[in-house]
Amino acid sequence: MERQAGESELLLTCLRTPEGIVLLRCAADVPHVVLPDNVLGEPVTALGPYALSSRSPDLSGCPDAFPVHITCGGAPPQHDAGVIRSVALPTRLQAVGDYAFYNCRGLTALTLTGAVERLGSDSFMNCPLQSVTLALGEDGRSCLRPLLADCTGDLEVDLLFPLAERARLFFPAYHEELELLAAPHIFQTRIQGGGYACRQCVQNGVVDFGAYDACLDRLLAEHDFRSASRIALDRLRWPFRLSARAESDYRASLAVHSSEAVGLLLDRRDLEGLAFLLAQRLLSPAQLSAACDTARQRGATEALALLLEELRPAPGRGLEKSFAL
């Protein structure tokens, strides 16, 4: 068996093709899986069907497949899909096969590049993905649209552009229901949740930031203030292609729904986000006082310190003297 140094202990079943190496099976039993960019000097360009899933792929039609042990000093692992929490895909990967991560029920984080052009059917079925980091090329194109279609729960996407530019987009959950209108078998699809509209803002592999920002009105109309606050915070912190109008709308929504924004940041233990929100000077003294009460109730001592510091009058403020003559 060939051996190669790597960042994760993996047992790969590989196939050479004219385009590069296809990973037919990736056996791993560690939480954080980093798939190699190259195997035996050749680029990894595809991930086969069921490659990391709980179900073993059928390799009977691949007589030329060969094993490679990617090692950082240990023994070849036995595959355990339930252990996997994050996966970093090869930087030149172009295709992900059908059901590649099927039943990886602990997989919450994914890292990939815009080189991935094709996602197979239900590649992430039964995967509770929560965050995606996507490094893009100059054209900004990616497989984000089919990825979002695969993942209907809450999903946060970090988009990394050339020249160190960055955007963070939150896509709220949505679900579809079939409603029977009349016999026989006439149904109408009903979509619940603002996350569906946000997902439609990715067209031809490129994010339409203006259309994404316009989704704020719908979220507010549906009283989804928590999602609206999360989107507003992310867009203001990383204002890639953020118009002046959208910035004003996001600031206004945070000023009105400060309790949702503070509660969200406390839940995420995001002190940097809380410091950013306070630096915007959007919260009134009454809102700051209410936020302090919330932090006390949750035992969030570090967040409470930030809030109390903001509530304290600035030096000289409130000390003006007056004289009656």
Protein backbone atom coordinates (compact mmCIF):
# COMPACT_ATOMS: atom_id res chain seq x y z
CA MET A 1 0.00 0.00 0.00
CA GLU A 2 1.27 3.47 -0.90
CA ARG A 3 1.73 5.95 1.96
CA GLN A 4 1.70 9.74 1.92
CA ALA A 5 2.01 12.32 4.67
CA GLY A 6 -1.08 14.40 5.34
CA GLU A 7 -3.08 16.42 7.87
CA SER A 8 -5.66 13.68 8.63
CA GLU A 9 -5.37 9.93 9.08
CA LEU A 10 -7.19 8.59 5.99
CA LEU A 11 -7.43 5.42 3.97
CA LEU A 12 -8.23 6.36 0.38
CA THR A 13 -9.39 4.19 -2.47
CA CYS A 14 -8.28 6.01 -5.62
CA LEU A 15 -8.70 5.81 -9.37
CA ARG A 16 -6.49 7.51 -11.96
CA THR A 17 -8.24 9.33 -14.80
CA PRO A 18 -6.94 11.70 -17.50
CA GLU A 19 -8.23 14.65 -15.44
CA GLY A 20 -6.66 13.52 -12.17
CA ILE A 21 -7.35 11.34 -9.15
CA VAL A 22 -10.88 10.33 -8.21
CA LEU A 23 -11.38 9.47 -4.53
CA LEU A 24 -13.78 6.54 -4.62
CA ARG A 25 -13.73 5.98 -0.87
CA CYS A 26 -12.35 8.09 1.97
CA ALA A 27 -12.21 6.13 5.21
CA ALA A 28 -11.81 8.36 8.27
CA ASP A 29 -12.55 8.16 11.99
CA VAL A 30 -11.55 11.66 13.12
CA PRO A 31 -13.73 14.77 13.63
CA HIS A 32 -11.81 17.06 11.27
CA VAL A 33 -11.06 15.63 7.83
CA VAL A 34 -8.66 17.40 5.46
CA LEU A 35 -8.62 15.68 2.07
CA PRO A 36 -5.29 15.99 0.23
CA ASP A 37 -4.91 18.28 -2.78
CA ASN A 38 -2.68 15.71 -4.48
CA VAL A 39 -2.24 11.95 -4.26
CA LEU A 40 1.13 10.56 -5.35
CA GLY A 41 1.87 13.78 -7.20
CA GLU A 42 -1.42 13.96 -9.13
CA PRO A 43 -4.25 16.44 -8.39
CA VAL A 44 -7.46 15.22 -6.76
CA THR A 45 -10.26 16.33 -9.09
CA ALA A 46 -13.34 14.32 -8.10
CA LEU A 47 -15.08 12.70 -5.16
CA GLY A 48 -17.00 9.56 -6.01
CA PRO A 49 -20.58 8.59 -5.02
CA TYR A 50 -20.92 7.68 -1.33
CA ALA A 51 -17.21 8.49 -0.86
CA LEU A 52 -17.50 9.56 2.81
CA SER A 53 -21.02 8.34 3.53
CA SER A 54 -22.08 5.76 6.08
CA ARG A 55 -22.81 3.45 3.18
CA SER A 56 -19.93 1.81 1.30
CA PRO A 57 -19.83 2.54 -2.44
CA ASP A 58 -19.98 -0.25 -5.00
CA LEU A 59 -16.46 -0.48 -6.42
CA SER A 60 -16.94 -3.74 -8.32
CA GLY A 61 -16.66 -1.88 -11.63
CA CYS A 62 -13.32 -0.28 -10.73
CA PRO A 63 -10.66 -3.01 -11.08
CA ASP A 64 -7.89 -0.40 -11.39
CA ALA A 65 -8.65 1.23 -8.02
CA PHE A 66 -5.76 1.33 -5.56
CA PRO A 67 -5.38 2.18 -1.85
CA VAL A 68 -3.34 5.03 -0.40
CA HIS A 69 -2.77 5.61 3.30
CA ILE A 70 -2.68 9.33 4.11
CA THR A 71 -0.94 9.43 7.46
CA CYS A 72 0.26 11.72 10.19
CA GLY A 73 1.87 8.87 12.13
CA GLY A 74 -1.01 6.51 12.93
CA ALA A 75 -2.53 3.32 11.58
CA PRO A 76 -5.01 3.14 8.67
CA PRO A 77 -8.47 4.03 10.05
CA GLN A 78 -11.78 2.21 9.93
CA HIS A 79 -14.48 4.46 8.51
CA ASP A 80 -16.96 6.05 10.93
CA ALA A 81 -19.16 8.65 9.22
CA GLY A 82 -20.80 9.59 12.52
CA VAL A 83 -17.54 10.97 13.94
CA ILE A 84 -16.94 13.50 11.16
CA ARG A 85 -17.65 17.13 12.13
CA SER A 86 -15.85 19.11 9.42
CA VAL A 87 -14.41 18.42 5.97
CA ALA A 88 -11.98 20.46 3.86
CA LEU A 89 -12.21 19.46 0.20
CA PRO A 90 -9.19 19.49 -2.15
CA THR A 91 -8.51 22.91 -3.67
CA ARG A 92 -8.70 21.65 -7.28
CA LEU A 93 -11.70 19.38 -6.77
CA GLN A 94 -14.18 19.77 -9.64
CA ALA A 95 -16.98 17.30 -8.88
CA VAL A 96 -18.70 15.77 -5.85
CA GLY A 97 -20.54 12.52 -6.48
CA ASP A 98 -24.10 11.54 -5.61
CA TYR A 99 -24.68 10.98 -1.88
CA ALA A 100 -20.99 11.61 -1.21
CA PHE A 101 -21.69 12.61 2.43
CA TYR A 102 -24.91 10.68 2.91
CA ASN A 103 -25.72 10.15 6.61
CA CYS A 104 -22.69 12.04 7.91
CA ARG A 105 -25.00 13.11 10.73
CA GLY A 106 -22.39 15.12 12.62
CA LEU A 107 -21.04 17.09 9.65
CA THR A 108 -21.59 20.79 10.41
CA ALA A 109 -18.74 22.58 8.60
CA LEU A 110 -17.46 22.42 5.02
CA THR A 111 -14.55 24.15 3.25
CA LEU A 112 -14.27 24.18 -0.54
CA THR A 113 -13.32 26.36 -3.51
CA GLY A 114 -15.04 27.75 -6.56
CA ALA A 115 -13.29 25.05 -8.62
CA VAL A 116 -16.14 22.66 -7.69
CA GLU A 117 -18.44 22.80 -10.71
CA ARG A 118 -20.79 19.92 -10.00
CA LEU A 119 -22.58 18.61 -6.95
CA GLY A 120 -24.22 15.24 -7.38
CA SER A 121 -27.74 14.35 -6.30
CA ASP A 122 -28.33 14.71 -2.55
CA SER A 123 -24.61 14.96 -1.85
CA PHE A 124 -25.31 16.24 1.67
CA MET A 125 -28.46 14.29 2.52
CA ASN A 126 -28.93 14.01 6.30
CA CYS A 127 -25.96 16.29 6.99
CA PRO A 128 -26.69 19.12 9.49
CA LEU A 129 -24.41 21.62 7.77
CA GLN A 130 -24.28 24.96 9.62
CA SER A 131 -21.30 26.73 8.08
CA VAL A 132 -19.56 26.76 4.70
CA THR A 133 -16.30 28.49 3.79
CA LEU A 134 -16.03 29.03 0.04
CA ALA A 135 -12.90 30.46 -1.61
CA LEU A 136 -13.81 32.05 -4.96
CA GLY A 137 -11.90 33.01 -8.07
CA GLU A 138 -12.01 36.28 -9.99
CA ASP A 139 -15.36 35.50 -11.64
CA GLY A 140 -17.06 34.74 -8.31
CA ARG A 141 -18.68 31.59 -9.68
CA SER A 142 -19.28 28.51 -7.55
CA CYS A 143 -21.60 25.59 -6.85
CA LEU A 144 -23.29 27.56 -4.06
CA ARG A 145 -26.79 27.37 -5.57
CA PRO A 146 -27.06 23.53 -5.60
CA LEU A 147 -25.34 23.42 -2.21
CA LEU A 148 -28.01 25.72 -0.77
CA ALA A 149 -30.71 23.57 -2.36
CA ASP A 150 -29.24 20.53 -0.60
CA CYS A 151 -29.16 22.30 2.78
CA THR A 152 -32.54 23.74 3.80
CA GLY A 153 -31.62 24.48 7.43
CA ASP A 154 -29.92 27.60 8.77
CA LEU A 155 -26.62 27.99 6.93
CA GLU A 156 -23.86 30.59 7.27
CA VAL A 157 -21.59 31.03 4.25
CA ASP A 158 -18.23 32.78 4.29
CA LEU A 159 -17.26 33.90 0.79
CA LEU A 160 -13.53 34.54 0.39
CA PHE A 161 -12.65 36.66 -2.64
CA PRO A 162 -9.26 37.50 -4.13
CA LEU A 163 -7.37 40.43 -2.58
CA ALA A 164 -8.51 39.32 0.91
CA GLU A 165 -12.08 40.58 0.39
CA ARG A 166 -14.76 38.73 2.30
CA ALA A 167 -18.52 38.50 2.69
CA ARG A 168 -20.58 36.54 5.20
CA LEU A 169 -24.13 35.62 4.22
CA PHE A 170 -26.70 33.92 6.41
CA PHE A 171 -29.36 31.80 4.71
CA PRO A 172 -32.27 31.09 7.08
CA ALA A 173 -34.04 27.74 7.11
CA TYR A 174 -37.11 27.06 5.01
CA HIS A 175 -39.32 24.07 4.31
CA GLU A 176 -41.81 23.02 1.67
CA GLU A 177 -45.28 21.58 2.26
CA LEU A 178 -47.65 19.94 -0.20
CA GLU A 179 -51.23 21.11 0.30
CA LEU A 180 -54.12 19.12 -1.17
CA LEU A 181 -56.39 21.55 -3.05
CA ALA A 182 -58.94 19.18 -4.53
CA ALA A 183 -59.48 15.58 -5.47
CA PRO A 184 -58.12 13.77 -7.25
CA HIS A 185 -54.49 14.44 -6.32
CA ILE A 186 -54.18 18.15 -7.03
CA PHE A 187 -51.47 19.62 -4.82
CA GLN A 188 -49.95 23.03 -4.28
CA THR A 189 -46.47 23.58 -2.89
CA ARG A 190 -46.33 25.98 0.04
CA ILE A 191 -42.95 27.36 1.10
CA GLN A 192 -42.50 28.43 4.71
CA GLY A 193 -39.58 30.62 5.80
CA GLY A 194 -37.63 33.50 4.30
CA GLY A 195 -34.62 31.32 3.57
CA TYR A 196 -36.06 30.26 0.21
CA ALA A 197 -36.07 33.84 -1.13
CA CYS A 198 -32.49 34.37 0.07
CA ARG A 199 -31.38 31.26 -1.80
CA GLN A 200 -32.87 32.55 -5.06
CA CYS A 201 -30.32 35.37 -5.01
CA VAL A 202 -27.64 33.02 -6.34
CA GLN A 203 -28.03 32.88 -10.12
CA ASN A 204 -25.70 31.25 -12.66
CA GLY A 205 -23.29 30.47 -9.86
CA VAL A 206 -22.89 34.11 -8.76
CA VAL A 207 -24.38 35.91 -5.74
CA ASP A 208 -26.58 38.94 -6.51
CA PHE A 209 -25.83 40.98 -3.38
CA GLY A 210 -28.46 43.61 -4.18
CA ALA A 211 -31.19 40.97 -4.42
CA TYR A 212 -29.94 39.33 -1.23
CA ASP A 213 -30.08 42.62 0.67
CA ALA A 214 -33.61 43.23 -0.64
CA CYS A 215 -34.77 40.09 1.23
CA LEU A 216 -34.63 42.05 4.50
CA ASP A 217 -38.10 43.53 3.94
CA ARG A 218 -39.65 40.07 3.62
CA LEU A 219 -38.00 38.80 6.79
CA LEU A 220 -39.23 41.83 8.72
CA ALA A 221 -42.74 41.44 7.27
CA GLU A 222 -42.77 37.81 8.40
CA HIS A 223 -41.60 38.89 11.88
CA ASP A 224 -38.45 36.85 11.50
CA PHE A 225 -36.53 39.47 13.45
CA ARG A 226 -33.81 37.11 14.65
CA SER A 227 -32.83 36.11 11.10
CA ALA A 228 -33.06 39.73 9.97
CA SER A 229 -30.74 40.77 12.80
CA ARG A 230 -28.23 38.05 11.96
CA ILE A 231 -28.16 39.05 8.31
CA ALA A 232 -27.86 42.75 9.20
CA LEU A 233 -24.94 42.13 11.56
CA ASP A 234 -23.06 40.02 9.03
CA ARG A 235 -23.59 42.42 6.15
CA LEU A 236 -22.50 45.45 8.17
CA ARG A 237 -19.43 43.70 9.59
CA TRP A 238 -18.33 42.46 6.16
CA PRO A 239 -19.86 45.05 3.76
CA PHE A 240 -18.81 43.51 0.46
CA ARG A 241 -20.82 45.22 -2.33
CA LEU A 242 -23.14 46.78 0.24
CA SER A 243 -25.06 49.78 -1.09
CA ALA A 244 -25.66 52.90 0.99
CA ARG A 245 -29.41 52.19 0.92
CA ALA A 246 -28.97 48.63 2.17
CA GLU A 247 -26.59 49.79 4.90
CA SER A 248 -29.17 52.32 6.09
CA ASP A 249 -31.91 49.66 6.11
CA TYR A 250 -29.77 47.21 8.07
CA ARG A 251 -28.85 49.85 10.65
CA ALA A 252 -32.50 50.82 11.06
CA SER A 253 -33.58 47.21 11.60
CA LEU A 254 -30.90 46.68 14.25
CA ALA A 255 -31.90 49.86 16.05
CA VAL A 256 -35.53 48.68 16.26
CA HIS A 257 -34.80 45.02 17.03
CA SER A 258 -31.84 45.40 19.35
CA SER A 259 -33.09 42.75 21.78
CA GLU A 260 -33.02 40.08 19.04
CA ALA A 261 -29.55 41.18 17.94
CA VAL A 262 -28.12 41.15 21.46
CA GLY A 263 -29.80 37.81 22.26
CA LEU A 264 -28.34 36.31 19.10
CA LEU A 265 -24.82 37.49 19.94
CA LEU A 266 -25.10 36.22 23.51
CA ASP A 267 -26.27 32.82 22.26
CA ARG A 268 -23.29 32.63 19.92
CA ARG A 269 -20.91 33.99 22.58
CA ASP A 270 -19.74 36.42 19.94
CA LEU A 271 -17.96 39.14 21.90
CA GLU A 272 -16.42 40.63 18.75
CA GLY A 273 -19.88 40.88 17.21
CA LEU A 274 -21.26 42.51 20.35
CA ALA A 275 -18.40 45.03 20.38
CA PHE A 276 -19.14 45.78 16.72
CA LEU A 277 -22.85 46.32 17.44
CA LEU A 278 -22.07 48.67 20.32
CA ALA A 279 -19.60 50.61 18.17
CA GLN A 280 -22.46 51.44 15.78
CA ARG A 281 -24.14 53.51 18.53
CA LEU A 282 -27.58 52.19 17.55
CA LEU A 283 -28.85 51.25 21.02
CA SER A 284 -30.57 53.75 23.28
CA PRO A 285 -29.77 53.88 27.02
CA ALA A 286 -32.99 51.96 27.70
CA GLN A 287 -32.03 49.28 25.19
CA LEU A 288 -28.54 49.05 26.68
CA SER A 289 -30.01 48.66 30.15
CA ALA A 290 -32.31 45.89 28.92
CA ALA A 291 -29.34 44.18 27.25
CA CYS A 292 -27.43 44.32 30.56
CA ASP A 293 -30.34 42.59 32.30
CA THR A 294 -30.34 39.86 29.64
CA ALA A 295 -26.59 39.32 30.01
CA ARG A 296 -26.93 39.08 33.80
CA GLN A 297 -29.71 36.52 33.53
CA ARG A 298 -27.57 34.37 31.24
CA GLY A 299 -24.43 34.70 33.33
CA ALA A 300 -22.56 36.23 30.37
CA THR A 301 -20.06 38.17 32.46
CA GLU A 302 -17.72 39.26 29.65
CA ALA A 303 -20.61 40.49 27.53
CA LEU A 304 -22.06 42.29 30.56
CA ALA A 305 -18.77 44.10 31.07
CA LEU A 306 -18.88 45.39 27.48
CA LEU A 307 -22.48 46.54 27.88
CA LEU A 308 -21.84 48.28 31.20
CA GLU A 309 -18.84 50.06 29.71
CA GLU A 310 -21.05 51.33 26.89
CA LEU A 311 -23.74 52.41 29.36
CA ARG A 312 -21.26 54.40 31.45
CA PRO A 313 -21.26 58.13 30.54
CA ALA A 314 -18.25 59.34 28.60
CA PRO A 315 -15.75 61.49 30.52
CA GLY A 316 -17.20 64.92 31.06
CA ARG A 317 -20.68 63.90 29.91
CA GLY A 318 -23.39 64.93 32.31
CA LEU A 319 -21.02 67.09 34.41
CA GLU A 320 -21.96 70.46 32.97
CA LYS A 321 -22.49 73.08 35.65
CA SER A 322 -25.16 75.77 35.65
CA PHE A 323 -25.48 78.84 37.80
CA ALA A 324 -28.54 80.85 38.75
CA LEU A 325 -27.75 84.54 39.14
